[in-house]
Amino acid sequence: MNDKYIITVIAVMAIVTILLRFLPFIIFNHGEQLPRWISYLGKVLPPAIMSMLLVYCLRNINLLEGNHGFPELICIGVAMLMHNWKRNTLLSIGVST
């Protein structure tokens, strides 16, 4: 690949990323209340995404071979306890990792 192609791809990705980051502020920055469906998605999507990531991370675990699965289950338990105790996502992820 040539350098011009790589620079063009990086520039397009940067522009799209910037637009996606600023678009909600442009659309919803009129001093009015958010639509109900946006508020609903804000409440529902984070737990749904975390659940999907949990299933993805644990999809290949076989509890019947060696000690596989038990460290993962211990870390899940620690993350749940930490999150219920402190309500800090970064702390619970960091401690369980």
N, C-alpha and C. Protein backbone atom coordinates (compact mmCIF):
# COMPACT_ATOMS: atom_id res chain seq x y z
N MET A 1 0.84 -1.18 0.00
CA MET A 1 0.00 0.00 0.00
C MET A 1 0.88 1.24 0.00
N ASN A 2 0.36 2.26 -0.65
CA ASN A 2 1.16 3.48 -0.67
C ASN A 2 0.76 4.40 0.48
N ASP A 3 1.62 5.37 0.74
CA ASP A 3 1.41 6.26 1.88
C ASP A 3 0.18 7.15 1.71
N LYS A 4 -0.12 7.53 0.47
CA LYS A 4 -1.28 8.39 0.23
C LYS A 4 -2.58 7.68 0.61
N TYR A 5 -2.67 6.40 0.32
CA TYR A 5 -3.86 5.63 0.67
C TYR A 5 -4.02 5.52 2.18
N ILE A 6 -2.94 5.24 2.87
CA ILE A 6 -2.98 5.10 4.33
C ILE A 6 -3.38 6.42 4.99
N ILE A 7 -2.80 7.52 4.53
CA ILE A 7 -3.14 8.83 5.09
C ILE A 7 -4.60 9.17 4.83
N THR A 8 -5.11 8.83 3.64
CA THR A 8 -6.52 9.08 3.32
C THR A 8 -7.44 8.26 4.21
N VAL A 9 -7.12 7.00 4.44
CA VAL A 9 -7.95 6.15 5.30
C VAL A 9 -7.96 6.68 6.73
N ILE A 10 -6.81 7.06 7.24
CA ILE A 10 -6.73 7.60 8.60
C ILE A 10 -7.51 8.91 8.70
N ALA A 11 -7.40 9.77 7.70
CA ALA A 11 -8.14 11.04 7.72
C ALA A 11 -9.64 10.81 7.70
N VAL A 12 -10.11 9.89 6.87
CA VAL A 12 -11.55 9.59 6.82
C VAL A 12 -12.03 9.02 8.14
N MET A 13 -11.27 8.12 8.73
CA MET A 13 -11.66 7.55 10.02
C MET A 13 -11.69 8.63 11.11
N ALA A 14 -10.74 9.55 11.09
CA ALA A 14 -10.71 10.63 12.08
C ALA A 14 -11.92 11.55 11.91
N ILE A 15 -12.27 11.90 10.68
CA ILE A 15 -13.41 12.78 10.43
C ILE A 15 -14.71 12.10 10.87
N VAL A 16 -14.87 10.83 10.55
CA VAL A 16 -16.09 10.11 10.95
C VAL A 16 -16.17 10.01 12.47
N THR A 17 -15.06 9.73 13.13
CA THR A 17 -15.05 9.64 14.59
C THR A 17 -15.42 10.97 15.22
N ILE A 18 -14.86 12.05 14.72
CA ILE A 18 -15.17 13.38 15.26
C ILE A 18 -16.64 13.71 15.04
N LEU A 19 -17.16 13.42 13.86
CA LEU A 19 -18.58 13.68 13.59
C LEU A 19 -19.49 12.87 14.50
N LEU A 20 -19.15 11.61 14.72
CA LEU A 20 -19.96 10.78 15.60
C LEU A 20 -19.91 11.25 17.05
N ARG A 21 -18.80 11.81 17.47
CA ARG A 21 -18.67 12.31 18.84
C ARG A 21 -19.46 13.61 19.03
N PHE A 22 -19.44 14.51 18.03
CA PHE A 22 -20.07 15.81 18.17
C PHE A 22 -21.52 15.85 17.71
N LEU A 23 -21.98 14.89 16.94
CA LEU A 23 -23.33 14.89 16.40
C LEU A 23 -24.42 14.93 17.48
N PRO A 24 -24.33 14.14 18.56
CA PRO A 24 -25.37 14.26 19.60
C PRO A 24 -25.44 15.66 20.22
N PHE A 25 -24.31 16.31 20.39
CA PHE A 25 -24.32 17.66 20.96
C PHE A 25 -24.92 18.66 19.99
N ILE A 26 -24.71 18.45 18.71
CA ILE A 26 -25.29 19.34 17.71
C ILE A 26 -26.80 19.14 17.62
N ILE A 27 -27.24 17.90 17.65
CA ILE A 27 -28.67 17.60 17.49
C ILE A 27 -29.46 17.97 18.74
N PHE A 28 -28.95 17.65 19.93
CA PHE A 28 -29.72 17.78 21.16
C PHE A 28 -29.29 18.96 22.04
N ASN A 29 -28.61 19.94 21.51
CA ASN A 29 -28.13 21.05 22.32
C ASN A 29 -28.99 22.30 22.11
N HIS A 30 -30.28 22.16 22.26
CA HIS A 30 -31.17 23.30 22.07
C HIS A 30 -31.81 23.74 23.37
N GLY A 31 -31.35 23.27 24.50
CA GLY A 31 -31.88 23.66 25.78
C GLY A 31 -33.21 23.01 26.12
N GLU A 32 -33.67 22.12 25.30
CA GLU A 32 -34.93 21.45 25.56
C GLU A 32 -34.68 20.05 26.12
N GLN A 33 -35.72 19.45 26.62
CA GLN A 33 -35.62 18.11 27.21
C GLN A 33 -35.36 17.06 26.11
N LEU A 34 -34.59 16.03 26.47
CA LEU A 34 -34.33 14.95 25.53
C LEU A 34 -35.61 14.18 25.25
N PRO A 35 -35.74 13.63 24.04
CA PRO A 35 -36.90 12.77 23.78
C PRO A 35 -36.89 11.55 24.71
N ARG A 36 -38.09 11.04 24.99
CA ARG A 36 -38.20 9.93 25.93
C ARG A 36 -37.46 8.70 25.45
N TRP A 37 -37.44 8.44 24.15
CA TRP A 37 -36.78 7.23 23.65
C TRP A 37 -35.26 7.34 23.79
N ILE A 38 -34.71 8.54 23.73
CA ILE A 38 -33.27 8.70 23.95
C ILE A 38 -32.94 8.44 25.42
N SER A 39 -33.77 8.95 26.32
CA SER A 39 -33.55 8.69 27.75
C SER A 39 -33.69 7.20 28.05
N TYR A 40 -34.66 6.55 27.41
CA TYR A 40 -34.84 5.10 27.60
C TYR A 40 -33.62 4.33 27.12
N LEU A 41 -33.11 4.68 25.95
CA LEU A 41 -31.91 4.00 25.44
C LEU A 41 -30.71 4.24 26.34
N GLY A 42 -30.61 5.42 26.92
CA GLY A 42 -29.52 5.72 27.85
C GLY A 42 -29.57 4.87 29.10
N LYS A 43 -30.76 4.45 29.51
CA LYS A 43 -30.89 3.59 30.68
C LYS A 43 -30.74 2.11 30.35
N VAL A 44 -31.16 1.71 29.16
CA VAL A 44 -31.23 0.29 28.82
C VAL A 44 -29.96 -0.23 28.15
N LEU A 45 -29.33 0.57 27.32
CA LEU A 45 -28.21 0.07 26.52
C LEU A 45 -26.95 -0.28 27.33
N PRO A 46 -26.53 0.50 28.32
CA PRO A 46 -25.30 0.10 29.03
C PRO A 46 -25.37 -1.29 29.66
N PRO A 47 -26.45 -1.66 30.39
CA PRO A 47 -26.48 -3.03 30.90
C PRO A 47 -26.57 -4.08 29.79
N ALA A 48 -27.26 -3.75 28.70
CA ALA A 48 -27.36 -4.70 27.59
C ALA A 48 -25.99 -4.93 26.95
N ILE A 49 -25.23 -3.87 26.78
CA ILE A 49 -23.91 -4.01 26.16
C ILE A 49 -22.97 -4.77 27.09
N MET A 50 -23.02 -4.48 28.39
CA MET A 50 -22.17 -5.21 29.34
C MET A 50 -22.53 -6.69 29.38
N SER A 51 -23.82 -7.00 29.31
CA SER A 51 -24.25 -8.40 29.28
C SER A 51 -23.74 -9.10 28.02
N MET A 52 -23.82 -8.41 26.89
CA MET A 52 -23.34 -8.99 25.65
C MET A 52 -21.83 -9.23 25.71
N LEU A 53 -21.08 -8.30 26.29
CA LEU A 53 -19.63 -8.49 26.44
C LEU A 53 -19.31 -9.64 27.38
N LEU A 54 -20.10 -9.80 28.44
CA LEU A 54 -19.89 -10.91 29.37
C LEU A 54 -20.10 -12.25 28.67
N VAL A 55 -21.18 -12.36 27.90
CA VAL A 55 -21.44 -13.60 27.16
C VAL A 55 -20.33 -13.86 26.15
N TYR A 56 -19.86 -12.80 25.47
CA TYR A 56 -18.79 -12.96 24.49
C TYR A 56 -17.50 -13.45 25.16
N CYS A 57 -17.18 -12.90 26.32
CA CYS A 57 -15.94 -13.28 27.00
C CYS A 57 -15.99 -14.69 27.56
N LEU A 58 -17.17 -15.16 27.93
CA LEU A 58 -17.29 -16.47 28.56
C LEU A 58 -17.77 -17.56 27.60
N ARG A 59 -17.82 -17.30 26.33
CA ARG A 59 -18.40 -18.24 25.37
C ARG A 59 -17.60 -19.53 25.21
N ASN A 60 -16.31 -19.51 25.37
CA ASN A 60 -15.48 -20.70 25.13
C ASN A 60 -14.96 -21.35 26.41
N ILE A 61 -15.55 -21.05 27.53
CA ILE A 61 -15.07 -21.59 28.80
C ILE A 61 -15.64 -22.98 29.00
N ASN A 62 -14.76 -23.91 29.34
CA ASN A 62 -15.16 -25.28 29.62
C ASN A 62 -14.83 -25.56 31.08
N LEU A 63 -15.86 -25.69 31.89
CA LEU A 63 -15.66 -25.91 33.33
C LEU A 63 -15.14 -27.30 33.66
N LEU A 64 -15.18 -28.23 32.72
CA LEU A 64 -14.78 -29.60 32.98
C LEU A 64 -13.31 -29.88 32.72
N GLU A 65 -12.58 -28.91 32.17
CA GLU A 65 -11.16 -29.12 31.87
C GLU A 65 -10.30 -28.28 32.81
N GLY A 66 -9.51 -28.93 33.63
CA GLY A 66 -8.55 -28.24 34.49
C GLY A 66 -9.21 -27.22 35.39
N ASN A 67 -8.56 -26.08 35.51
CA ASN A 67 -9.11 -25.02 36.35
C ASN A 67 -9.75 -23.92 35.52
N HIS A 68 -10.03 -24.20 34.26
CA HIS A 68 -10.64 -23.19 33.39
C HIS A 68 -12.05 -22.88 33.87
N GLY A 69 -12.36 -21.62 33.88
CA GLY A 69 -13.69 -21.19 34.27
C GLY A 69 -13.75 -20.67 35.69
N PHE A 70 -13.03 -21.28 36.60
CA PHE A 70 -13.10 -20.85 37.99
C PHE A 70 -12.47 -19.47 38.20
N PRO A 71 -11.30 -19.15 37.64
CA PRO A 71 -10.79 -17.78 37.80
C PRO A 71 -11.73 -16.73 37.20
N GLU A 72 -12.35 -17.08 36.06
CA GLU A 72 -13.28 -16.15 35.44
C GLU A 72 -14.50 -15.93 36.32
N LEU A 73 -15.03 -17.00 36.89
CA LEU A 73 -16.19 -16.87 37.75
C LEU A 73 -15.87 -16.09 39.02
N ILE A 74 -14.66 -16.28 39.56
CA ILE A 74 -14.23 -15.52 40.74
C ILE A 74 -14.15 -14.04 40.39
N CYS A 75 -13.58 -13.72 39.24
CA CYS A 75 -13.46 -12.32 38.82
C CYS A 75 -14.82 -11.68 38.57
N ILE A 76 -15.75 -12.44 38.02
CA ILE A 76 -17.11 -11.91 37.82
C ILE A 76 -17.74 -11.60 39.17
N GLY A 77 -17.58 -12.51 40.12
CA GLY A 77 -18.12 -12.28 41.46
C GLY A 77 -17.51 -11.07 42.13
N VAL A 78 -16.18 -10.92 42.00
CA VAL A 78 -15.50 -9.77 42.60
C VAL A 78 -15.98 -8.48 41.94
N ALA A 79 -16.14 -8.48 40.63
CA ALA A 79 -16.62 -7.29 39.93
C ALA A 79 -18.03 -6.92 40.38
N MET A 80 -18.89 -7.93 40.53
CA MET A 80 -20.26 -7.66 40.98
C MET A 80 -20.27 -7.11 42.40
N LEU A 81 -19.48 -7.69 43.29
CA LEU A 81 -19.43 -7.21 44.67
C LEU A 81 -18.89 -5.78 44.75
N MET A 82 -17.81 -5.53 44.01
CA MET A 82 -17.22 -4.19 44.03
C MET A 82 -18.19 -3.16 43.47
N HIS A 83 -18.90 -3.52 42.40
CA HIS A 83 -19.82 -2.56 41.80
C HIS A 83 -21.01 -2.30 42.72
N ASN A 84 -21.51 -3.34 43.38
CA ASN A 84 -22.61 -3.13 44.31
C ASN A 84 -22.17 -2.33 45.53
N TRP A 85 -20.90 -2.44 45.90
CA TRP A 85 -20.41 -1.75 47.09
C TRP A 85 -20.09 -0.28 46.79
N LYS A 86 -19.30 -0.03 45.73
CA LYS A 86 -18.81 1.32 45.46
C LYS A 86 -19.53 2.04 44.32
N ARG A 87 -20.24 1.32 43.46
CA ARG A 87 -20.92 1.90 42.30
C ARG A 87 -19.96 2.66 41.40
N ASN A 88 -18.78 2.09 41.20
CA ASN A 88 -17.76 2.70 40.35
C ASN A 88 -17.32 1.65 39.34
N THR A 89 -17.66 1.87 38.08
CA THR A 89 -17.40 0.88 37.04
C THR A 89 -15.91 0.64 36.86
N LEU A 90 -15.12 1.71 36.79
CA LEU A 90 -13.68 1.54 36.57
C LEU A 90 -13.02 0.82 37.73
N LEU A 91 -13.45 1.11 38.93
CA LEU A 91 -12.89 0.42 40.10
C LEU A 91 -13.23 -1.06 40.08
N SER A 92 -14.47 -1.40 39.76
CA SER A 92 -14.85 -2.81 39.76
C SER A 92 -14.17 -3.59 38.65
N ILE A 93 -13.98 -2.96 37.48
CA ILE A 93 -13.26 -3.63 36.40
C ILE A 93 -11.79 -3.79 36.76
N GLY A 94 -11.19 -2.74 37.31
CA GLY A 94 -9.77 -2.79 37.65
C GLY A 94 -9.46 -3.81 38.73
N VAL A 95 -10.29 -3.88 39.76
CA VAL A 95 -10.05 -4.82 40.86
C VAL A 95 -10.26 -6.25 40.38
N SER A 96 -11.29 -6.48 39.61
CA SER A 96 -11.57 -7.85 39.15
C SER A 96 -10.56 -8.32 38.11
N THR A 97 -9.94 -7.40 37.41
CA THR A 97 -8.93 -7.79 36.43
C THR A 97 -7.67 -8.22 37.14
